[in-house]
Amino acid sequence: MLTVKPVSEAGFANMAEEWQQCLEASDANPLFMSWPWLYSWWETWSQVLGMELVLLGVFDEGEELVGIGPFCRRILVTPARVRVARLYMLGNAWRLAPTVRTEYCGIIAQRGYEEKVRTELVSALEHLKWDELICTDVSVDQLENLEAGGVNEQTGYRTIRRADDRGVRIDTSVRFYDWLEGLGKNTRLKVYNRRAYIRKQGKLVFLDHDQGRDGDFFERLNGFHMNRWGKPAFDREALRFHRLLLQRLHLCEGEPAMSLIFYNQRCVSVLYDLVVRGCRYNLQAGYEEDFDTKVSLGYLHLGFAIEATFNHETTSAYDLLAGNGKKHFYKSHFHGEPVHFSTFQVVRSPLLKALYRIQASSPPFIARAFARRMGL
């Protein structure tokens, strides 16, 4: 017999060990669903965004935590004065404000308890006050799991697919040079072979970041982004989040993997990765865009980082995560397994269902004007 109990903000702050034990016994993502990531997100953005914590713990008969429903809620009043109680997956603020991107979202359930935890959480959600639930960057099976648990049109819900995205995850348990040989000729040139060309021109060095030697990593990263995009990679809140996360990363058995490329003693590229439980995640990069017309520093730096992952004894994957490049989906060139993400709404308010139905049946230009007017 399982029971669902709400977890307070104070409880959330003090449950790192219990959370991590539950997570490690599950198949949920060990970085994005970890206590360090989600609590740091909550601490950074909850008050800024006016969020209310809706954290549900699922416990067995012995009071052991076997499942977690990580949600938060915000009451919105649209320009048309429609009041909407919106439930979010913890770690995202869809159409509300930009925060860091939390991927692989979903509920956490210990292995062997998946179906029971899902059933109990769906039942608990039915008794909460909300008009729509936003599931952002979840794995593609999450919608099927919700529908199987009773969140479907037959029970009065309407599901609206909002976006599909993809990432790439590279298996680094094989030999690096076998993976390299599997790349296309042009990608292999950018990722690896251009090293010889640069080294003929000057001194090329790939280094792990050292705070004492290299200064503040995020200042370098933001500097490259200001030059390239006209804005920093991380604003004030995002910087706070990442600094908090790095302080807590050891709690999910993680470690930073920040690296730099120096050319003739000048830093020309930085890469921000994190390693958690056998996987290295590529979070952000910055580099001199006009370094050399024959060289793509972004590809080159990824090549060094991926090679380091292949050579790391306990790391078996390099995850490029979701998102496109500046011009095209460059990640597809890296000979990895595609990872698919989905973002969708689950609507239960009769009024909202009617409004979304009107929007969906209208011509595109009318639908856009309707959405702006209604604030949906």
Protein backbone atom coordinates (compact mmCIF):
# COMPACT_ATOMS: atom_id res chain seq x y z
CA MET A 1 0.00 0.00 0.00
CA LEU A 2 1.47 3.33 -1.08
CA THR A 3 0.57 6.76 0.28
CA VAL A 4 1.10 10.19 -1.27
CA LYS A 5 2.09 13.08 0.96
CA PRO A 6 2.80 16.72 0.08
CA VAL A 7 6.35 17.89 0.83
CA SER A 8 6.79 21.40 2.22
CA GLU A 9 9.50 23.83 1.15
CA ALA A 10 11.35 23.10 4.38
CA GLY A 11 11.01 19.39 3.69
CA PHE A 12 12.32 19.87 0.16
CA ALA A 13 15.34 21.73 1.49
CA ASN A 14 16.21 18.91 3.88
CA MET A 15 15.53 15.79 1.80
CA ALA A 16 18.67 15.64 -0.35
CA GLU A 17 19.80 12.24 0.93
CA GLU A 18 16.34 10.66 0.80
CA TRP A 19 15.70 12.12 -2.67
CA GLN A 20 18.98 10.82 -4.05
CA GLN A 21 18.41 7.32 -2.67
CA CYS A 22 15.05 7.20 -4.42
CA LEU A 23 16.50 8.61 -7.64
CA GLU A 24 19.41 6.16 -7.73
CA ALA A 25 16.96 3.26 -7.44
CA SER A 26 14.98 4.58 -10.43
CA ASP A 27 15.50 5.06 -14.16
CA ALA A 28 14.97 8.84 -13.97
CA ASN A 29 17.75 11.09 -15.21
CA PRO A 30 20.54 11.35 -12.60
CA LEU A 31 21.37 15.01 -13.35
CA PHE A 32 18.18 16.84 -14.27
CA MET A 33 15.96 14.96 -11.82
CA SER A 34 18.53 15.17 -9.02
CA TRP A 35 17.96 17.11 -5.81
CA PRO A 36 20.92 19.46 -6.51
CA TRP A 37 19.50 20.47 -9.90
CA LEU A 38 15.83 20.81 -8.96
CA TYR A 39 16.33 22.38 -5.54
CA SER A 40 18.81 24.89 -6.97
CA TRP A 41 16.24 25.73 -9.67
CA TRP A 42 13.54 26.17 -7.03
CA GLU A 43 15.74 28.30 -4.80
CA THR A 44 16.67 30.53 -7.74
CA TRP A 45 13.34 31.07 -9.52
CA SER A 46 10.42 30.20 -7.23
CA GLN A 47 10.03 33.68 -5.73
CA VAL A 48 11.01 35.48 -8.95
CA LEU A 49 8.22 33.65 -10.80
CA GLY A 50 5.70 33.52 -7.96
CA MET A 51 5.61 29.72 -7.89
CA GLU A 52 3.92 27.53 -5.29
CA LEU A 53 5.60 24.20 -4.56
CA VAL A 54 3.49 21.13 -5.35
CA LEU A 55 5.96 18.40 -4.45
CA LEU A 56 4.40 14.96 -3.92
CA GLY A 57 6.24 12.16 -2.16
CA VAL A 58 5.09 8.55 -2.54
CA PHE A 59 5.87 6.31 0.41
CA ASP A 60 5.59 2.58 1.03
CA GLU A 61 4.27 0.94 4.20
CA GLY A 62 7.64 1.36 5.87
CA GLU A 63 7.65 5.11 5.14
CA GLU A 64 10.41 4.73 2.55
CA LEU A 65 10.29 7.23 -0.31
CA VAL A 66 9.65 5.20 -3.47
CA GLY A 67 8.37 7.91 -5.81
CA ILE A 68 8.41 11.68 -6.36
CA GLY A 69 6.02 13.91 -8.29
CA PRO A 70 8.02 17.13 -8.82
CA PHE A 71 5.52 19.89 -9.64
CA CYS A 72 4.92 23.56 -8.96
CA ARG A 73 1.94 25.82 -9.60
CA ARG A 74 1.28 29.40 -10.58
CA ILE A 75 -1.98 31.29 -10.86
CA LEU A 76 -2.09 33.37 -14.06
CA VAL A 77 -4.57 36.07 -15.02
CA THR A 78 -4.49 36.56 -18.78
CA PRO A 79 -5.02 39.92 -20.56
CA ALA A 80 -8.61 38.78 -21.19
CA ARG A 81 -9.02 38.34 -17.39
CA VAL A 82 -9.15 34.55 -17.60
CA ARG A 83 -7.81 33.02 -14.40
CA VAL A 84 -5.65 29.96 -15.04
CA ALA A 85 -4.13 27.65 -12.43
CA ARG A 86 -1.18 26.16 -14.27
CA LEU A 87 0.77 23.20 -12.97
CA TYR A 88 4.37 22.84 -14.20
CA MET A 89 6.97 20.12 -14.00
CA LEU A 90 9.55 21.39 -11.52
CA GLY A 91 12.53 22.86 -13.36
CA ASN A 92 10.67 24.63 -16.17
CA ALA A 93 8.57 27.76 -16.62
CA TRP A 94 6.97 27.26 -20.04
CA ARG A 95 5.88 30.57 -21.64
CA LEU A 96 6.40 32.29 -18.32
CA ALA A 97 10.05 33.29 -18.23
CA PRO A 98 13.40 31.97 -19.44
CA THR A 99 15.22 29.79 -16.92
CA VAL A 100 17.82 27.08 -17.41
CA ARG A 101 16.52 24.22 -19.51
CA THR A 102 15.65 21.11 -17.51
CA GLU A 103 15.53 18.05 -19.79
CA TYR A 104 14.50 14.43 -19.25
CA CYS A 105 11.67 15.67 -17.01
CA GLY A 106 9.23 13.24 -15.44
CA ILE A 107 8.15 11.55 -12.26
CA ILE A 108 10.67 9.53 -10.24
CA ALA A 109 9.74 5.95 -9.32
CA GLN A 110 11.89 3.21 -7.87
CA ARG A 111 12.25 0.19 -10.13
CA GLY A 112 9.44 -2.24 -9.52
CA TYR A 113 7.12 0.54 -8.28
CA GLU A 114 6.68 2.40 -11.58
CA GLU A 115 3.04 1.52 -12.27
CA LYS A 116 1.94 1.88 -8.65
CA VAL A 117 3.68 5.25 -8.26
CA ARG A 118 2.18 6.53 -11.51
CA THR A 119 -1.32 5.44 -10.43
CA GLU A 120 -0.99 7.07 -7.02
CA LEU A 121 0.37 10.33 -8.43
CA VAL A 122 -2.33 10.57 -11.10
CA SER A 123 -4.95 10.02 -8.38
CA ALA A 124 -3.33 12.71 -6.22
CA LEU A 125 -3.24 15.15 -9.15
CA GLU A 126 -6.96 14.66 -9.72
CA HIS A 127 -7.63 16.11 -6.26
CA LEU A 128 -5.43 19.18 -6.71
CA LYS A 129 -6.65 22.52 -8.03
CA TRP A 130 -5.30 23.12 -11.52
CA ASP A 131 -6.66 23.99 -14.95
CA GLU A 132 -3.78 22.75 -17.08
CA LEU A 133 -0.60 20.77 -16.60
CA ILE A 134 2.51 21.62 -18.64
CA CYS A 135 4.93 18.77 -19.26
CA THR A 136 8.12 20.19 -20.76
CA ASP A 137 11.05 18.31 -22.32
CA VAL A 138 9.82 14.95 -21.11
CA SER A 139 10.84 11.66 -22.66
CA VAL A 140 8.38 10.51 -25.31
CA ASP A 141 6.90 7.74 -23.13
CA GLN A 142 5.69 10.17 -20.44
CA LEU A 143 2.49 11.06 -22.34
CA GLU A 144 1.74 7.37 -22.85
CA ASN A 145 2.30 6.77 -19.14
CA LEU A 146 -0.07 9.58 -18.17
CA GLU A 147 -2.74 8.40 -20.58
CA ALA A 148 -2.39 4.84 -19.29
CA GLY A 149 -2.77 6.19 -15.77
CA GLY A 150 -6.11 7.80 -16.61
CA VAL A 151 -5.12 11.24 -17.90
CA ASN A 152 -6.82 10.99 -21.30
CA GLU A 153 -9.78 12.28 -23.27
CA GLN A 154 -12.04 9.49 -22.02
CA THR A 155 -11.65 10.87 -18.49
CA GLY A 156 -12.26 14.48 -19.50
CA TYR A 157 -8.75 15.74 -20.24
CA ARG A 158 -7.52 17.26 -23.46
CA THR A 159 -3.89 16.85 -24.49
CA ILE A 160 -2.26 19.41 -26.79
CA ARG A 161 1.16 18.65 -28.27
CA ARG A 162 3.22 21.85 -28.24
CA ALA A 163 6.73 20.93 -29.33
CA ASP A 164 9.01 18.05 -30.14
CA ASP A 165 12.76 18.33 -29.84
CA ARG A 166 15.72 16.03 -30.18
CA GLY A 167 19.19 15.57 -28.85
CA VAL A 168 22.05 13.15 -29.40
CA ARG A 169 23.77 10.83 -26.93
CA ILE A 170 27.11 9.29 -27.87
CA ASP A 171 28.09 5.84 -26.59
CA THR A 172 31.66 6.23 -25.32
CA SER A 173 32.09 2.67 -24.09
CA VAL A 174 33.67 1.68 -27.43
CA ARG A 175 37.04 2.79 -28.84
CA PHE A 176 37.41 6.49 -29.63
CA TYR A 177 39.01 5.88 -33.03
CA ASP A 178 36.23 3.49 -34.04
CA TRP A 179 33.72 6.25 -33.29
CA LEU A 180 35.89 8.76 -35.16
CA GLU A 181 36.00 6.53 -38.23
CA GLY A 182 32.22 6.40 -38.24
CA LEU A 183 31.90 10.16 -38.65
CA GLY A 184 31.40 11.81 -41.99
CA LYS A 185 34.55 13.14 -43.64
CA ASN A 186 33.71 16.80 -43.05
CA THR A 187 32.71 16.24 -39.40
CA ARG A 188 35.88 14.24 -38.72
CA LEU A 189 37.89 17.10 -40.20
CA LYS A 190 36.24 19.65 -37.89
CA VAL A 191 36.26 17.49 -34.77
CA TYR A 192 39.74 16.01 -34.99
CA ASN A 193 41.88 16.50 -38.09
CA ARG A 194 42.02 20.30 -37.85
CA ARG A 195 44.20 19.92 -34.76
CA ALA A 196 47.20 19.25 -36.99
CA TYR A 197 46.49 22.34 -39.08
CA ILE A 198 46.28 24.62 -36.01
CA ARG A 199 49.40 23.16 -34.44
CA LYS A 200 51.38 24.08 -37.53
CA GLN A 201 50.39 27.71 -36.93
CA GLY A 202 51.00 27.87 -33.17
CA LYS A 203 50.62 26.20 -29.80
CA LEU A 204 47.25 24.52 -29.17
CA VAL A 205 46.43 23.32 -25.63
CA PHE A 206 43.29 21.65 -24.22
CA LEU A 207 43.01 22.07 -20.44
CA ASP A 208 40.62 21.37 -17.60
CA HIS A 209 39.61 24.65 -15.98
CA ASP A 210 41.44 25.65 -12.83
CA GLN A 211 39.92 28.52 -10.84
CA GLY A 212 43.24 29.65 -9.38
CA ARG A 213 45.02 29.63 -12.72
CA ASP A 214 42.24 30.56 -15.16
CA GLY A 215 39.97 32.88 -13.17
CA ASP A 216 36.17 32.75 -13.17
CA PHE A 217 34.92 30.30 -15.80
CA PHE A 218 31.50 31.89 -16.20
CA GLU A 219 33.00 35.32 -16.86
CA ARG A 220 34.92 33.84 -19.79
CA LEU A 221 31.83 32.03 -21.04
CA ASN A 222 29.64 35.13 -20.84
CA GLY A 223 32.35 37.20 -22.52
CA PHE A 224 32.39 34.93 -25.57
CA HIS A 225 28.59 35.02 -25.76
CA MET A 226 28.47 38.81 -25.51
CA ASN A 227 30.83 39.07 -28.46
CA ARG A 228 28.93 36.51 -30.54
CA TRP A 229 25.28 37.03 -29.61
CA GLY A 230 25.20 40.42 -27.90
CA LYS A 231 23.99 38.91 -24.61
CA PRO A 232 25.48 36.67 -21.91
CA ALA A 233 25.04 32.90 -21.87
CA PHE A 234 23.79 33.12 -18.28
CA ASP A 235 21.99 36.11 -16.77
CA ARG A 236 22.06 36.93 -13.06
CA GLU A 237 19.57 34.25 -12.02
CA ALA A 238 21.13 31.57 -14.24
CA LEU A 239 24.57 32.37 -12.82
CA ARG A 240 23.20 32.00 -9.31
CA PHE A 241 21.63 28.68 -10.26
CA HIS A 242 24.84 27.24 -11.72
CA ARG A 243 26.97 28.37 -8.80
CA LEU A 244 24.51 26.77 -6.36
CA LEU A 245 24.40 23.62 -8.46
CA LEU A 246 28.19 23.28 -8.52
CA GLN A 247 28.30 23.60 -4.72
CA ARG A 248 25.83 20.73 -4.41
CA LEU A 249 26.88 18.56 -7.33
CA HIS A 250 28.71 16.06 -5.12
CA LEU A 251 25.36 15.11 -3.56
CA CYS A 252 24.38 13.39 -6.83
CA GLU A 253 27.87 11.96 -7.28
CA GLY A 254 28.60 14.54 -9.95
CA GLU A 255 31.61 16.63 -10.82
CA PRO A 256 32.22 19.62 -13.11
CA ALA A 257 34.05 19.11 -16.39
CA MET A 258 34.83 22.66 -17.45
CA SER A 259 37.52 22.94 -20.09
CA LEU A 260 39.38 25.55 -22.14
CA ILE A 261 41.34 25.70 -25.36
CA PHE A 262 44.38 27.99 -25.41
CA TYR A 263 46.05 29.04 -28.63
CA ASN A 264 49.41 30.75 -28.22
CA GLN A 265 48.56 31.28 -24.54
CA ARG A 266 45.24 32.99 -25.36
CA CYS A 267 41.95 31.39 -24.33
CA VAL A 268 39.87 30.98 -27.50
CA SER A 269 37.17 28.51 -26.38
CA VAL A 270 35.43 27.26 -23.23
CA LEU A 271 33.12 24.29 -22.70
CA TYR A 272 30.81 23.73 -19.72
CA ASP A 273 30.10 20.05 -19.06
CA LEU A 274 28.99 18.10 -16.00
CA VAL A 275 29.64 14.42 -15.30
CA VAL A 276 27.03 12.51 -13.30
CA ARG A 277 26.88 8.75 -12.80
CA GLY A 278 28.65 7.68 -15.97
CA CYS A 279 27.42 10.35 -18.36
CA ARG A 280 29.00 13.65 -19.38
CA TYR A 281 26.44 16.35 -20.23
CA ASN A 282 27.26 19.25 -22.56
CA LEU A 283 25.51 22.31 -21.11
CA GLN A 284 27.08 25.33 -22.81
CA ALA A 285 29.98 26.53 -24.94
CA GLY A 286 31.61 29.80 -25.94
CA TYR A 287 34.41 30.61 -28.37
CA GLU A 288 35.92 33.13 -30.77
CA GLU A 289 33.68 32.88 -33.80
CA ASP A 290 36.22 34.48 -36.20
CA PHE A 291 39.23 32.53 -34.95
CA ASP A 292 40.15 31.02 -38.36
CA THR A 293 38.05 30.56 -41.49
CA LYS A 294 39.21 26.94 -41.76
CA VAL A 295 38.47 26.05 -38.13
CA SER A 296 35.22 25.57 -36.22
CA LEU A 297 36.24 25.99 -32.60
CA GLY A 298 32.91 24.64 -31.39
CA TYR A 299 33.40 21.33 -33.19
CA LEU A 300 37.09 21.21 -32.28
CA HIS A 301 36.43 21.70 -28.57
CA LEU A 302 33.67 19.08 -28.57
CA GLY A 303 36.13 16.69 -30.20
CA PHE A 304 38.58 17.13 -27.32
CA ALA A 305 35.82 16.74 -24.70
CA ILE A 306 34.35 13.65 -26.38
CA GLU A 307 37.80 12.06 -26.63
CA ALA A 308 38.35 12.74 -22.92
CA THR A 309 35.03 11.01 -22.21
CA PHE A 310 36.06 7.95 -24.23
CA ASN A 311 39.29 7.83 -22.21
CA HIS A 312 37.54 8.18 -18.84
CA GLU A 313 37.24 4.76 -17.22
CA THR A 314 33.87 5.23 -15.52
CA THR A 315 32.09 7.39 -18.12
CA SER A 316 30.16 5.62 -20.87
CA ALA A 317 28.20 8.38 -22.63
CA TYR A 318 28.47 11.97 -23.84
CA ASP A 319 25.10 13.71 -24.04
CA LEU A 320 24.80 16.68 -26.38
CA LEU A 321 21.27 17.33 -25.06
CA ALA A 322 18.43 19.01 -26.94
CA GLY A 323 18.50 22.09 -29.13
CA ASN A 324 19.61 23.17 -32.56
CA GLY A 325 22.73 25.05 -33.57
CA LYS A 326 22.88 28.57 -34.95
CA LYS A 327 22.18 27.41 -38.52
CA HIS A 328 21.30 23.69 -38.45
CA PHE A 329 21.04 20.59 -36.27
CA TYR A 330 24.78 19.94 -36.15
CA LYS A 331 24.45 17.31 -33.41
CA SER A 332 23.15 14.78 -35.91
CA HIS A 333 26.67 14.64 -37.39
CA PHE A 334 28.18 13.19 -34.21
CA HIS A 335 27.26 9.54 -34.80
CA GLY A 336 25.20 9.14 -31.65
CA GLU A 337 21.80 7.81 -30.67
CA PRO A 338 18.94 10.28 -31.13
CA VAL A 339 17.00 11.27 -28.00
CA HIS A 340 13.49 12.62 -28.42
CA PHE A 341 11.73 15.07 -26.12
CA SER A 342 8.13 16.21 -26.05
CA THR A 343 6.33 19.24 -24.60
CA PHE A 344 2.56 19.06 -24.15
CA GLN A 345 -0.35 20.49 -22.19
CA VAL A 346 -2.94 18.49 -20.33
CA VAL A 347 -6.06 20.66 -20.07
CA ARG A 348 -8.95 19.93 -17.75
CA SER A 349 -10.72 23.31 -17.43
CA PRO A 350 -13.86 23.27 -19.65
CA LEU A 351 -13.35 26.96 -20.47
CA LEU A 352 -9.73 26.47 -21.52
CA LYS A 353 -10.60 23.41 -23.57
CA ALA A 354 -13.20 25.47 -25.44
CA LEU A 355 -10.77 28.36 -25.99
CA TYR A 356 -8.01 26.09 -27.26
CA ARG A 357 -10.53 24.39 -29.57
CA ILE A 358 -11.47 27.77 -31.07
CA GLN A 359 -7.80 28.63 -31.49
CA ALA A 360 -7.00 25.30 -33.18
CA SER A 361 -9.88 25.62 -35.65
CA SER A 362 -9.04 29.20 -36.69
CA PRO A 363 -6.82 30.25 -39.62
CA PRO A 364 -3.21 30.80 -38.49
CA PHE A 365 -3.27 34.63 -38.44
CA ILE A 366 -6.55 34.65 -36.49
CA ALA A 367 -5.24 31.95 -34.12
CA ARG A 368 -2.15 34.05 -33.37
CA ALA A 369 -4.21 37.18 -32.72
CA PHE A 370 -6.61 35.15 -30.55
CA ALA A 371 -3.71 33.72 -28.53
CA ARG A 372 -2.26 37.20 -27.94
CA ARG A 373 -5.61 38.60 -26.92
CA MET A 374 -6.43 35.73 -24.60
CA GLY A 375 -2.88 35.40 -23.30
CA LEU A 376 -2.79 31.64 -23.84
